[in-house]
């Protein structure tokens, strides 16, 4: 039992020693999240959205030729659906990237991931 505590302390000490390197790597990853581009669409392509890994909408493209047949409120709903799907995809991609980096550094992740 006593040795388990010592092992845990040694592990923590090792992590603390590597903390600057870990912080630098996570900062590097965070800096490049904006470079990730994730696309989504709604209404079979009537609305297309591109979201980046920093959770920012890069573009919204609306196929004007196909919107004339839509009823009031349908276009807004398609935009909402496409944006939310894009943000969901971005969160998943960021979660995967950060999980991979954390795994490479030997960091355990909390149950349920990073809560993004």
PDB file of N, CA and C in Angstrom:
ATOM      1  N   UNK A   1       0.821  -1.188   0.000  1.00  0.00           N
ATOM      2  CA  UNK A   1       0.000   0.000   0.000  1.00  0.00           C
ATOM      3  C   UNK A   1       0.867   1.255   0.000  1.00  0.00           C
ATOM      4  N   UNK A   2       1.842   1.300   0.882  1.00  0.00           N
ATOM      5  CA  UNK A   2       2.692   2.476   0.973  1.00  0.00           C
ATOM      6  C   UNK A   2       3.413   2.716  -0.352  1.00  0.00           C
ATOM      7  N   UNK A   3       3.809   1.631  -1.023  1.00  0.00           N
ATOM      8  CA  UNK A   3       4.538   1.770  -2.274  1.00  0.00           C
ATOM      9  C   UNK A   3       3.645   2.280  -3.396  1.00  0.00           C
ATOM     10  N   UNK A   4       2.344   1.978  -3.336  1.00  0.00           N
ATOM     11  CA  UNK A   4       1.416   2.511  -4.332  1.00  0.00           C
ATOM     12  C   UNK A   4       1.390   4.032  -4.262  1.00  0.00           C
ATOM     13  N   UNK A   5       1.371   4.563  -3.069  1.00  0.00           N
ATOM     14  CA  UNK A   5       1.394   6.014  -2.885  1.00  0.00           C
ATOM     15  C   UNK A   5       2.671   6.633  -3.416  1.00  0.00           C
ATOM     16  N   UNK A   6       3.777   5.941  -3.191  1.00  0.00           N
ATOM     17  CA  UNK A   6       5.061   6.442  -3.684  1.00  0.00           C
ATOM     18  C   UNK A   6       5.115   6.409  -5.208  1.00  0.00           C
ATOM     19  N   UNK A   7       4.545   5.362  -5.798  1.00  0.00           N
ATOM     20  CA  UNK A   7       4.507   5.281  -7.260  1.00  0.00           C
ATOM     21  C   UNK A   7       3.689   6.426  -7.834  1.00  0.00           C
ATOM     22  N   UNK A   8       2.568   6.711  -7.202  1.00  0.00           N
ATOM     23  CA  UNK A   8       1.721   7.813  -7.652  1.00  0.00           C
ATOM     24  C   UNK A   8       2.434   9.150  -7.550  1.00  0.00           C
ATOM     25  N   UNK A   9       3.161   9.335  -6.467  1.00  0.00           N
ATOM     26  CA  UNK A   9       3.904  10.582  -6.290  1.00  0.00           C
ATOM     27  C   UNK A   9       5.016  10.703  -7.327  1.00  0.00           C
ATOM     28  N   UNK A  10       5.677   9.595  -7.629  1.00  0.00           N
ATOM     29  CA  UNK A  10       6.736   9.612  -8.639  1.00  0.00           C
ATOM     30  C   UNK A  10       6.157   9.940 -10.011  1.00  0.00           C
ATOM     31  N   UNK A  11       4.996   9.378 -10.306  1.00  0.00           N
ATOM     32  CA  UNK A  11       4.335   9.659 -11.577  1.00  0.00           C
ATOM     33  C   UNK A  11       3.961  11.133 -11.678  1.00  0.00           C
ATOM     34  N   UNK A  12       3.421  11.676 -10.606  1.00  0.00           N
ATOM     35  CA  UNK A  12       3.050  13.088 -10.573  1.00  0.00           C
ATOM     36  C   UNK A  12       4.282  13.973 -10.726  1.00  0.00           C
ATOM     37  N   UNK A  13       5.362  13.608 -10.068  1.00  0.00           N
ATOM     38  CA  UNK A  13       6.599  14.382 -10.176  1.00  0.00           C
ATOM     39  C   UNK A  13       7.116  14.373 -11.613  1.00  0.00           C
ATOM     40  N   UNK A  14       7.012  13.226 -12.270  1.00  0.00           N
ATOM     41  CA  UNK A  14       7.431  13.129 -13.668  1.00  0.00           C
ATOM     42  C   UNK A  14       6.589  14.011 -14.571  1.00  0.00           C
ATOM     43  N   UNK A  15       5.289  14.029 -14.315  1.00  0.00           N
ATOM     44  CA  UNK A  15       4.398  14.876 -15.107  1.00  0.00           C
ATOM     45  C   UNK A  15       4.706  16.353 -14.875  1.00  0.00           C
ATOM     46  N   UNK A  16       4.983  16.720 -13.637  1.00  0.00           N
ATOM     47  CA  UNK A  16       5.281  18.117 -13.323  1.00  0.00           C
ATOM     48  C   UNK A  16       6.569  18.560 -14.020  1.00  0.00           C
ATOM     49  N   UNK A  17       7.530  17.656 -14.119  1.00  0.00           N
ATOM     50  CA  UNK A  17       8.789  17.969 -14.791  1.00  0.00           C
ATOM     51  C   UNK A  17       8.536  18.250 -16.272  1.00  0.00           C
ATOM     52  N   UNK A  18       7.595  17.502 -16.862  1.00  0.00           N
ATOM     53  CA  UNK A  18       7.284  17.648 -18.282  1.00  0.00           C
ATOM     54  C   UNK A  18       6.225  18.708 -18.558  1.00  0.00           C
ATOM     55  N   UNK A  19       5.742  19.380 -17.529  1.00  0.00           N
ATOM     56  CA  UNK A  19       4.651  20.337 -17.684  1.00  0.00           C
ATOM     57  C   UNK A  19       4.938  21.418 -18.728  1.00  0.00           C
ATOM     58  N   UNK A  20       6.093  22.059 -18.729  1.00  0.00           N
ATOM     59  CA  UNK A  20       6.337  23.088 -19.759  1.00  0.00           C
ATOM     60  C   UNK A  20       6.246  22.527 -21.181  1.00  0.00           C
ATOM     61  N   UNK A  21       6.762  21.319 -21.375  1.00  0.00           N
ATOM     62  CA  UNK A  21       6.698  20.701 -22.699  1.00  0.00           C
ATOM     63  C   UNK A  21       5.247  20.406 -23.073  1.00  0.00           C
ATOM     64  N   UNK A  22       4.461  19.913 -22.116  1.00  0.00           N
ATOM     65  CA  UNK A  22       3.049  19.625 -22.362  1.00  0.00           C
ATOM     66  C   UNK A  22       2.284  20.900 -22.692  1.00  0.00           C
ATOM     67  N   UNK A  23       2.544  21.961 -21.929  1.00  0.00           N
ATOM     68  CA  UNK A  23       1.854  23.227 -22.166  1.00  0.00           C
ATOM     69  C   UNK A  23       2.189  23.774 -23.551  1.00  0.00           C
ATOM     70  N   UNK A  24       3.444  23.666 -23.950  1.00  0.00           N
ATOM     71  CA  UNK A  24       3.859  24.152 -25.264  1.00  0.00           C
ATOM     72  C   UNK A  24       3.174  23.358 -26.371  1.00  0.00           C
ATOM     73  N   UNK A  25       3.088  22.048 -26.200  1.00  0.00           N
ATOM     74  CA  UNK A  25       2.449  21.204 -27.223  1.00  0.00           C
ATOM     75  C   UNK A  25       0.961  21.515 -27.332  1.00  0.00           C
ATOM     76  N   UNK A  26       0.279  21.682 -26.203  1.00  0.00           N
ATOM     77  CA  UNK A  26      -1.149  21.998 -26.233  1.00  0.00           C
ATOM     78  C   UNK A  26      -1.381  23.384 -26.841  1.00  0.00           C
ATOM     79  N   UNK A  27      -0.500  24.343 -26.553  1.00  0.00           N
ATOM     80  CA  UNK A  27      -0.626  25.680 -27.141  1.00  0.00           C
ATOM     81  C   UNK A  27      -0.451  25.614 -28.655  1.00  0.00           C
ATOM     82  N   UNK A  28       0.478  24.771 -29.103  1.00  0.00           N
ATOM     83  CA  UNK A  28       0.705  24.586 -30.538  1.00  0.00           C
ATOM     84  C   UNK A  28      -0.539  24.001 -31.203  1.00  0.00           C
ATOM     85  N   UNK A  29      -1.120  23.007 -30.571  1.00  0.00           N
ATOM     86  CA  UNK A  29      -2.334  22.386 -31.115  1.00  0.00           C
ATOM     87  C   UNK A  29      -3.464  23.408 -31.161  1.00  0.00           C
ATOM     88  N   UNK A  30      -3.627  24.151 -30.084  1.00  0.00           N
ATOM     89  CA  UNK A  30      -4.700  25.147 -30.015  1.00  0.00           C
ATOM     90  C   UNK A  30      -4.540  26.195 -31.116  1.00  0.00           C
ATOM     91  N   UNK A  31      -3.301  26.581 -31.377  1.00  0.00           N
ATOM     92  CA  UNK A  31      -3.027  27.577 -32.410  1.00  0.00           C
ATOM     93  C   UNK A  31      -3.481  27.099 -33.787  1.00  0.00           C
ATOM     94  N   UNK A  32      -3.421  25.801 -34.021  1.00  0.00           N
ATOM     95  CA  UNK A  32      -3.755  25.255 -35.337  1.00  0.00           C
ATOM     96  C   UNK A  32      -5.209  24.794 -35.459  1.00  0.00           C
ATOM     97  N   UNK A  33      -5.994  24.926 -34.399  1.00  0.00           N
ATOM     98  CA  UNK A  33      -7.390  24.493 -34.480  1.00  0.00           C
ATOM     99  C   UNK A  33      -8.159  25.278 -35.535  1.00  0.00           C
ATOM    100  N   UNK A  34      -7.831  26.535 -35.703  1.00  0.00           N
ATOM    101  CA  UNK A  34      -8.508  27.348 -36.714  1.00  0.00           C
ATOM    102  C   UNK A  34      -8.253  26.867 -38.127  1.00  0.00           C
ATOM    103  N   UNK A  35      -7.196  26.066 -38.312  1.00  0.00           N
ATOM    104  CA  UNK A  35      -6.880  25.529 -39.635  1.00  0.00           C
ATOM    105  C   UNK A  35      -7.765  24.343 -40.008  1.00  0.00           C
ATOM    106  N   UNK A  36      -8.387  23.723 -39.013  1.00  0.00           N
ATOM    107  CA  UNK A  36      -9.274  22.587 -39.283  1.00  0.00           C
ATOM    108  C   UNK A  36     -10.557  23.124 -39.911  1.00  0.00           C
ATOM    109  N   UNK A  37     -10.984  22.557 -41.023  1.00  0.00           N
ATOM    110  CA  UNK A  37     -12.216  22.979 -41.684  1.00  0.00           C
ATOM    111  C   UNK A  37     -13.163  21.782 -41.765  1.00  0.00           C
ATOM    112  N   UNK A  38     -14.374  21.975 -41.255  1.00  0.00           N
ATOM    113  CA  UNK A  38     -15.360  20.899 -41.258  1.00  0.00           C
ATOM    114  C   UNK A  38     -16.618  21.393 -41.955  1.00  0.00           C
ATOM    115  N   UNK A  39     -17.112  20.594 -42.894  1.00  0.00           N
ATOM    116  CA  UNK A  39     -18.272  20.985 -43.685  1.00  0.00           C
ATOM    117  C   UNK A  39     -19.510  20.228 -43.238  1.00  0.00           C
ATOM    118  N   UNK A  40     -20.633  20.901 -43.381  1.00  0.00           N
ATOM    119  CA  UNK A  40     -21.921  20.253 -43.134  1.00  0.00           C
ATOM    120  C   UNK A  40     -22.925  20.864 -44.096  1.00  0.00           C
ATOM    121  N   UNK A  41     -24.062  20.195 -44.214  1.00  0.00           N
ATOM    122  CA  UNK A  41     -25.106  20.711 -45.094  1.00  0.00           C
ATOM    123  C   UNK A  41     -26.468  20.314 -44.559  1.00  0.00           C
ATOM    124  N   UNK A  42     -27.472  20.991 -45.075  1.00  0.00           N
ATOM    125  CA  UNK A  42     -28.854  20.669 -44.718  1.00  0.00           C
ATOM    126  C   UNK A  42     -29.713  20.855 -45.964  1.00  0.00           C
ATOM    127  N   UNK A  43     -30.836  20.171 -45.970  1.00  0.00           N
ATOM    128  CA  UNK A  43     -31.753  20.275 -47.103  1.00  0.00           C
ATOM    129  C   UNK A  43     -31.152  19.741 -48.381  1.00  0.00           C
ATOM    130  N   UNK A  44     -30.417  18.643 -48.262  1.00  0.00           N
ATOM    131  CA  UNK A  44     -29.788  18.014 -49.423  1.00  0.00           C
ATOM    132  C   UNK A  44     -28.915  19.007 -50.193  1.00  0.00           C
ATOM    133  N   UNK A  45     -28.172  19.831 -49.441  1.00  0.00           N
ATOM    134  CA  UNK A  45     -27.235  20.755 -50.058  1.00  0.00           C
ATOM    135  C   UNK A  45     -27.774  22.153 -50.312  1.00  0.00           C
ATOM    136  N   UNK A  46     -29.012  22.438 -49.909  1.00  0.00           N
ATOM    137  CA  UNK A  46     -29.545  23.793 -50.071  1.00  0.00           C
ATOM    138  C   UNK A  46     -28.699  24.774 -49.263  1.00  0.00           C
ATOM    139  N   UNK A  47     -28.275  24.360 -48.065  1.00  0.00           N
ATOM    140  CA  UNK A  47     -27.407  25.175 -47.211  1.00  0.00           C
ATOM    141  C   UNK A  47     -26.153  24.365 -46.903  1.00  0.00           C
ATOM    142  N   UNK A  48     -24.994  24.997 -47.156  1.00  0.00           N
ATOM    143  CA  UNK A  48     -23.712  24.369 -46.830  1.00  0.00           C
ATOM    144  C   UNK A  48     -22.944  25.312 -45.911  1.00  0.00           C
ATOM    145  N   UNK A  49     -22.339  24.740 -44.875  1.00  0.00           N
ATOM    146  CA  UNK A  49     -21.636  25.531 -43.865  1.00  0.00           C
ATOM    147  C   UNK A  49     -20.238  24.952 -43.672  1.00  0.00           C
ATOM    148  N   UNK A  50     -19.263  25.836 -43.464  1.00  0.00           N
ATOM    149  CA  UNK A  50     -17.909  25.430 -43.098  1.00  0.00           C
ATOM    150  C   UNK A  50     -17.606  26.054 -41.734  1.00  0.00           C
ATOM    151  N   UNK A  51     -17.197  25.200 -40.793  1.00  0.00           N
ATOM    152  CA  UNK A  51     -16.853  25.614 -39.436  1.00  0.00           C
ATOM    153  C   UNK A  51     -15.406  25.203 -39.192  1.00  0.00           C
ATOM    154  N   UNK A  52     -14.654  26.030 -38.452  1.00  0.00           N
ATOM    155  CA  UNK A  52     -13.277  25.649 -38.147  1.00  0.00           C
ATOM    156  C   UNK A  52     -13.174  25.054 -36.747  1.00  0.00           C
ATOM    157  N   UNK A  53     -12.003  24.564 -36.421  1.00  0.00           N
ATOM    158  CA  UNK A  53     -11.785  23.915 -35.133  1.00  0.00           C
ATOM    159  C   UNK A  53     -11.822  24.857 -33.948  1.00  0.00           C
ATOM    160  N   UNK A  54     -11.830  26.163 -34.212  1.00  0.00           N
ATOM    161  CA  UNK A  54     -11.973  27.156 -33.148  1.00  0.00           C
ATOM    162  C   UNK A  54     -13.449  27.488 -32.922  1.00  0.00           C
ATOM    163  N   UNK A  55     -14.330  26.672 -33.502  1.00  0.00           N
ATOM    164  CA  UNK A  55     -15.788  26.810 -33.363  1.00  0.00           C
ATOM    165  C   UNK A  55     -16.310  28.113 -33.968  1.00  0.00           C
ATOM    166  N   UNK A  56     -15.694  28.533 -35.071  1.00  0.00           N
ATOM    167  CA  UNK A  56     -16.147  29.723 -35.778  1.00  0.00           C
ATOM    168  C   UNK A  56     -16.696  29.313 -37.133  1.00  0.00           C
ATOM    169  N   UNK A  57     -17.805  29.936 -37.525  1.00  0.00           N
ATOM    170  CA  UNK A  57     -18.380  29.679 -38.842  1.00  0.00           C
ATOM    171  C   UNK A  57     -17.529  30.422 -39.865  1.00  0.00           C
ATOM    172  N   UNK A  58     -16.969  29.672 -40.808  1.00  0.00           N
ATOM    173  CA  UNK A  58     -16.133  30.255 -41.857  1.00  0.00           C
ATOM    174  C   UNK A  58     -16.987  30.741 -43.024  1.00  0.00           C
ATOM    175  N   UNK A  59     -17.988  29.942 -43.394  1.00  0.00           N
ATOM    176  CA  UNK A  59     -18.837  30.343 -44.514  1.00  0.00           C
ATOM    177  C   UNK A  59     -20.186  29.642 -44.446  1.00  0.00           C
ATOM    178  N   UNK A  60     -21.164  30.318 -45.033  1.00  0.00           N
ATOM    179  CA  UNK A  60     -22.498  29.749 -45.230  1.00  0.00           C
ATOM    180  C   UNK A  60     -22.840  29.998 -46.690  1.00  0.00           C
ATOM    181  N   UNK A  61     -23.113  28.928 -47.417  1.00  0.00           N
ATOM    182  CA  UNK A  61     -23.473  29.038 -48.826  1.00  0.00           C
ATOM    183  C   UNK A  61     -24.900  28.540 -48.983  1.00  0.00           C
ATOM    184  N   UNK A  62     -25.725  29.373 -49.619  1.00  0.00           N
ATOM    185  CA  UNK A  62     -27.131  29.034 -49.833  1.00  0.00           C
ATOM    186  C   UNK A  62     -27.363  28.923 -51.330  1.00  0.00           C
ATOM    187  N   UNK A  63     -27.934  27.807 -51.753  1.00  0.00           N
ATOM    188  CA  UNK A  63     -28.271  27.585 -53.159  1.00  0.00           C
ATOM    189  C   UNK A  63     -29.564  28.344 -53.456  1.00  0.00           C
ATOM    190  N   UNK A  64     -29.412  29.584 -53.948  1.00  0.00           N
ATOM    191  CA  UNK A  64     -30.562  30.460 -54.168  1.00  0.00           C
ATOM    192  C   UNK A  64     -31.599  29.867 -55.121  1.00  0.00           C
ATOM    193  N   UNK A  65     -31.150  29.105 -56.092  1.00  0.00           N
ATOM    194  CA  UNK A  65     -32.080  28.525 -57.065  1.00  0.00           C
ATOM    195  C   UNK A  65     -33.055  27.553 -56.410  1.00  0.00           C
ATOM    196  N   UNK A  66     -32.648  26.969 -55.286  1.00  0.00           N
ATOM    197  CA  UNK A  66     -33.496  25.958 -54.646  1.00  0.00           C
ATOM    198  C   UNK A  66     -34.266  26.501 -53.449  1.00  0.00           C
ATOM    199  N   UNK A  67     -34.101  27.780 -53.125  1.00  0.00           N
ATOM    200  CA  UNK A  67     -34.801  28.328 -51.960  1.00  0.00           C
ATOM    201  C   UNK A  67     -36.169  28.905 -52.295  1.00  0.00           C
ATOM    202  N   UNK A  68     -36.457  29.147 -53.569  1.00  0.00           N
ATOM    203  CA  UNK A  68     -37.734  29.779 -53.933  1.00  0.00           C
ATOM    204  C   UNK A  68     -38.934  28.905 -53.584  1.00  0.00           C
ATOM    205  N   UNK A  69     -38.730  27.617 -53.515  1.00  0.00           N
ATOM    206  CA  UNK A  69     -39.848  26.709 -53.207  1.00  0.00           C
ATOM    207  C   UNK A  69     -40.033  26.483 -51.702  1.00  0.00           C
ATOM    208  N   UNK A  70     -39.168  27.076 -50.894  1.00  0.00           N
ATOM    209  CA  UNK A  70     -39.257  26.876 -49.446  1.00  0.00           C
ATOM    210  C   UNK A  70     -40.348  27.750 -48.838  1.00  0.00           C
ATOM    211  N   UNK A  71     -41.005  27.210 -47.835  1.00  0.00           N
ATOM    212  CA  UNK A  71     -42.008  27.976 -47.101  1.00  0.00           C
ATOM    213  C   UNK A  71     -41.313  28.847 -46.058  1.00  0.00           C
ATOM    214  N   UNK A  72     -42.052  29.802 -45.529  1.00  0.00           N
ATOM    215  CA  UNK A  72     -41.524  30.728 -44.528  1.00  0.00           C
ATOM    216  C   UNK A  72     -40.917  29.954 -43.353  1.00  0.00           C
ATOM    217  N   UNK A  73     -39.742  30.328 -42.982  1.00  0.00           N
ATOM    218  CA  UNK A  73     -39.077  29.701 -41.839  1.00  0.00           C
ATOM    219  C   UNK A  73     -38.233  28.488 -42.189  1.00  0.00           C
ATOM    220  N   UNK A  74     -38.453  27.891 -43.354  1.00  0.00           N
ATOM    221  CA  UNK A  74     -37.693  26.684 -43.703  1.00  0.00           C
ATOM    222  C   UNK A  74     -36.212  26.981 -43.927  1.00  0.00           C
ATOM    223  N   UNK A  75     -35.909  28.110 -44.570  1.00  0.00           N
ATOM    224  CA  UNK A  75     -34.505  28.444 -44.815  1.00  0.00           C
ATOM    225  C   UNK A  75     -33.770  28.667 -43.493  1.00  0.00           C
ATOM    226  N   UNK A  76     -34.405  29.385 -42.574  1.00  0.00           N
ATOM    227  CA  UNK A  76     -33.787  29.607 -41.271  1.00  0.00           C
ATOM    228  C   UNK A  76     -33.529  28.283 -40.561  1.00  0.00           C
ATOM    229  N   UNK A  77     -34.467  27.369 -40.662  1.00  0.00           N
ATOM    230  CA  UNK A  77     -34.302  26.052 -40.032  1.00  0.00           C
ATOM    231  C   UNK A  77     -33.146  25.288 -40.671  1.00  0.00           C
ATOM    232  N   UNK A  78     -33.022  25.353 -41.992  1.00  0.00           N
ATOM    233  CA  UNK A  78     -31.921  24.669 -42.673  1.00  0.00           C
ATOM    234  C   UNK A  78     -30.572  25.267 -42.255  1.00  0.00           C
ATOM    235  N   UNK A  79     -30.524  26.586 -42.123  1.00  0.00           N
ATOM    236  CA  UNK A  79     -29.280  27.233 -41.677  1.00  0.00           C
ATOM    237  C   UNK A  79     -28.941  26.782 -40.262  1.00  0.00           C
ATOM    238  N   UNK A  80     -29.935  26.780 -39.384  1.00  0.00           N
ATOM    239  CA  UNK A  80     -29.720  26.356 -37.997  1.00  0.00           C
ATOM    240  C   UNK A  80     -29.194  24.929 -37.943  1.00  0.00           C
ATOM    241  N   UNK A  81     -29.814  24.036 -38.705  1.00  0.00           N
ATOM    242  CA  UNK A  81     -29.412  22.625 -38.715  1.00  0.00           C
ATOM    243  C   UNK A  81     -27.980  22.481 -39.232  1.00  0.00           C
ATOM    244  N   UNK A  82     -27.662  23.150 -40.326  1.00  0.00           N
ATOM    245  CA  UNK A  82     -26.325  23.027 -40.915  1.00  0.00           C
ATOM    246  C   UNK A  82     -25.251  23.584 -39.982  1.00  0.00           C
ATOM    247  N   UNK A  83     -25.522  24.729 -39.348  1.00  0.00           N
ATOM    248  CA  UNK A  83     -24.543  25.324 -38.430  1.00  0.00           C
ATOM    249  C   UNK A  83     -24.329  24.416 -37.223  1.00  0.00           C
ATOM    250  N   UNK A  84     -25.410  23.927 -36.639  1.00  0.00           N
ATOM    251  CA  UNK A  84     -25.271  23.052 -35.468  1.00  0.00           C
ATOM    252  C   UNK A  84     -24.538  21.762 -35.813  1.00  0.00           C
ATOM    253  N   UNK A  85     -24.823  21.197 -36.973  1.00  0.00           N
ATOM    254  CA  UNK A  85     -24.117  19.978 -37.395  1.00  0.00           C
ATOM    255  C   UNK A  85     -22.632  20.277 -37.602  1.00  0.00           C
ATOM    256  N   UNK A  86     -22.325  21.425 -38.194  1.00  0.00           N
ATOM    257  CA  UNK A  86     -20.928  21.810 -38.385  1.00  0.00           C
ATOM    258  C   UNK A  86     -20.199  21.976 -37.064  1.00  0.00           C
ATOM    259  N   UNK A  87     -20.854  22.619 -36.104  1.00  0.00           N
ATOM    260  CA  UNK A  87     -20.248  22.792 -34.782  1.00  0.00           C
ATOM    261  C   UNK A  87     -20.058  21.452 -34.079  1.00  0.00           C
ATOM    262  N   UNK A  88     -21.024  20.545 -34.223  1.00  0.00           N
ATOM    263  CA  UNK A  88     -20.879  19.202 -33.643  1.00  0.00           C
ATOM    264  C   UNK A  88     -19.679  18.484 -34.249  1.00  0.00           C
ATOM    265  N   UNK A  89     -19.543  18.574 -35.574  1.00  0.00           N
ATOM    266  CA  UNK A  89     -18.405  17.933 -36.242  1.00  0.00           C
ATOM    267  C   UNK A  89     -17.083  18.549 -35.780  1.00  0.00           C
ATOM    268  N   UNK A  90     -17.072  19.862 -35.615  1.00  0.00           N
ATOM    269  CA  UNK A  90     -15.853  20.535 -35.152  1.00  0.00           C
ATOM    270  C   UNK A  90     -15.496  20.084 -33.743  1.00  0.00           C
ATOM    271  N   UNK A  91     -16.493  20.004 -32.858  1.00  0.00           N
ATOM    272  CA  UNK A  91     -16.230  19.548 -31.482  1.00  0.00           C
ATOM    273  C   UNK A  91     -15.655  18.136 -31.482  1.00  0.00           C
ATOM    274  N   UNK A  92     -16.226  17.259 -32.304  1.00  0.00           N
ATOM    275  CA  UNK A  92     -15.736  15.876 -32.374  1.00  0.00           C
ATOM    276  C   UNK A  92     -14.300  15.836 -32.893  1.00  0.00           C
ATOM    277  N   UNK A  93     -14.010  16.622 -33.925  1.00  0.00           N
ATOM    278  CA  UNK A  93     -12.659  16.629 -34.498  1.00  0.00           C
ATOM    279  C   UNK A  93     -11.641  17.176 -33.500  1.00  0.00           C
ATOM    280  N   UNK A  94     -12.012  18.227 -32.786  1.00  0.00           N
ATOM    281  CA  UNK A  94     -11.115  18.804 -31.780  1.00  0.00           C
ATOM    282  C   UNK A  94     -10.895  17.810 -30.643  1.00  0.00           C
ATOM    283  N   UNK A  95     -11.968  17.157 -30.217  1.00  0.00           N
ATOM    284  CA  UNK A  95     -11.869  16.148 -29.150  1.00  0.00           C
ATOM    285  C   UNK A  95     -10.898  15.040 -29.565  1.00  0.00           C
ATOM    286  N   UNK A  96     -11.032  14.560 -30.809  1.00  0.00           N
ATOM    287  CA  UNK A  96     -10.136  13.508 -31.299  1.00  0.00           C
ATOM    288  C   UNK A  96      -8.686  13.986 -31.328  1.00  0.00           C
ATOM    289  N   UNK A  97      -8.475  15.213 -31.801  1.00  0.00           N
ATOM    290  CA  UNK A  97      -7.115  15.752 -31.896  1.00  0.00           C
ATOM    291  C   UNK A  97      -6.492  15.903 -30.510  1.00  0.00           C
ATOM    292  N   UNK A  98      -7.233  16.501 -29.588  1.00  0.00           N
ATOM    293  CA  UNK A  98      -6.699  16.699 -28.240  1.00  0.00           C
ATOM    294  C   UNK A  98      -6.501  15.372 -27.513  1.00  0.00           C
ATOM    295  N   UNK A  99      -7.385  14.411 -27.747  1.00  0.00           N
ATOM    296  CA  UNK A  99      -7.226  13.084 -27.143  1.00  0.00           C
ATOM    297  C   UNK A  99      -5.961  12.414 -27.657  1.00  0.00           C
ATOM    298  N   UNK A 100      -5.717  12.563 -28.952  1.00  0.00           N
ATOM    299  CA  UNK A 100      -4.521  11.979 -29.552  1.00  0.00           C
ATOM    300  C   UNK A 100      -3.258  12.611 -28.967  1.00  0.00           C
ATOM    301  N   UNK A 101      -3.260  13.926 -28.859  1.00  0.00           N
ATOM    302  CA  UNK A 101      -2.098  14.628 -28.304  1.00  0.00           C
ATOM    303  C   UNK A 101      -1.895  14.243 -26.842  1.00  0.00           C
ATOM    304  N   UNK A 102      -2.978  14.203 -26.075  1.00  0.00           N
ATOM    305  CA  UNK A 102      -2.877  13.819 -24.661  1.00  0.00           C
ATOM    306  C   UNK A 102      -2.342  12.398 -24.533  1.00  0.00           C
ATOM    307  N   UNK A 103      -2.823  11.497 -25.398  1.00  0.00           N
ATOM    308  CA  UNK A 103      -2.337  10.120 -25.378  1.00  0.00           C
ATOM    309  C   UNK A 103      -0.857  10.035 -25.703  1.00  0.00           C
ATOM    310  N   UNK A 104      -0.417  10.836 -26.682  1.00  0.00           N
ATOM    311  CA  UNK A 104       1.002  10.864 -27.042  1.00  0.00           C
ATOM    312  C   UNK A 104       1.869  11.336 -25.881  1.00  0.00           C
ATOM    313  N   UNK A 105       1.304  12.202 -25.040  1.00  0.00           N
ATOM    314  CA  UNK A 105       2.053  12.728 -23.897  1.00  0.00           C
ATOM    315  C   UNK A 105       1.862  11.878 -22.646  1.00  0.00           C
ATOM    316  N   UNK A 106       1.071  10.818 -22.758  1.00  0.00           N
ATOM    317  CA  UNK A 106       0.850   9.946 -21.615  1.00  0.00           C
ATOM    318  C   UNK A 106      -0.089  10.519 -20.574  1.00  0.00           C
ATOM    319  N   UNK A 107      -0.941  11.441 -20.994  1.00  0.00           N
ATOM    320  CA  UNK A 107      -1.889  12.049 -20.060  1.00  0.00           C
ATOM    321  C   UNK A 107      -3.213  11.304 -20.090  1.00  0.00           C
ATOM    322  N   UNK A 108      -3.722  10.942 -18.957  1.00  0.00           N
ATOM    323  CA  UNK A 108      -5.043  10.300 -18.935  1.00  0.00           C
ATOM    324  C   UNK A 108      -6.123  11.356 -19.153  1.00  0.00           C
ATOM    325  N   UNK A 109      -7.191  10.967 -19.835  1.00  0.00           N
ATOM    326  CA  UNK A 109      -8.325  11.865 -20.030  1.00  0.00           C
ATOM    327  C   UNK A 109      -9.444  11.488 -19.078  1.00  0.00           C
ATOM    328  N   UNK A 110     -10.218  12.466 -18.649  1.00  0.00           N
ATOM    329  CA  UNK A 110     -11.340  12.147 -17.761  1.00  0.00           C
ATOM    330  C   UNK A 110     -12.390  11.326 -18.496  1.00  0.00           C
ATOM    331  N   UNK A 111     -13.186  10.543 -17.763  1.00  0.00           N
ATOM    332  CA  UNK A 111     -14.265   9.794 -18.409  1.00  0.00           C
ATOM    333  C   UNK A 111     -15.176  10.756 -19.160  1.00  0.00           C
ATOM    334  N   UNK A 112     -15.549  10.381 -20.367  1.00  0.00           N
ATOM    335  CA  UNK A 112     -16.397  11.252 -21.174  1.00  0.00           C
ATOM    336  C   UNK A 112     -15.617  12.270 -21.979  1.00  0.00           C
ATOM    337  N   UNK A 113     -14.296  12.183 -21.952  1.00  0.00           N
ATOM    338  CA  UNK A 113     -13.480  13.072 -22.762  1.00  0.00           C
ATOM    339  C   UNK A 113     -13.253  14.423 -22.119  1.00  0.00           C
ATOM    340  N   UNK A 114     -13.121  15.423 -22.971  1.00  0.00           N
ATOM    341  CA  UNK A 114     -12.762  16.756 -22.513  1.00  0.00           C
ATOM    342  C   UNK A 114     -13.964  17.666 -22.315  1.00  0.00           C
ATOM    343  N   UNK A 115     -15.148  17.161 -22.553  1.00  0.00           N
ATOM    344  CA  UNK A 115     -16.352  17.952 -22.314  1.00  0.00           C
ATOM    345  C   UNK A 115     -16.517  19.125 -23.256  1.00  0.00           C
ATOM    346  N   UNK A 116     -16.090  18.962 -24.494  1.00  0.00           N
ATOM    347  CA  UNK A 116     -16.229  20.048 -25.473  1.00  0.00           C
ATOM    348  C   UNK A 116     -17.621  20.113 -26.025  1.00  0.00           C
TER     349      UNK A 116
END
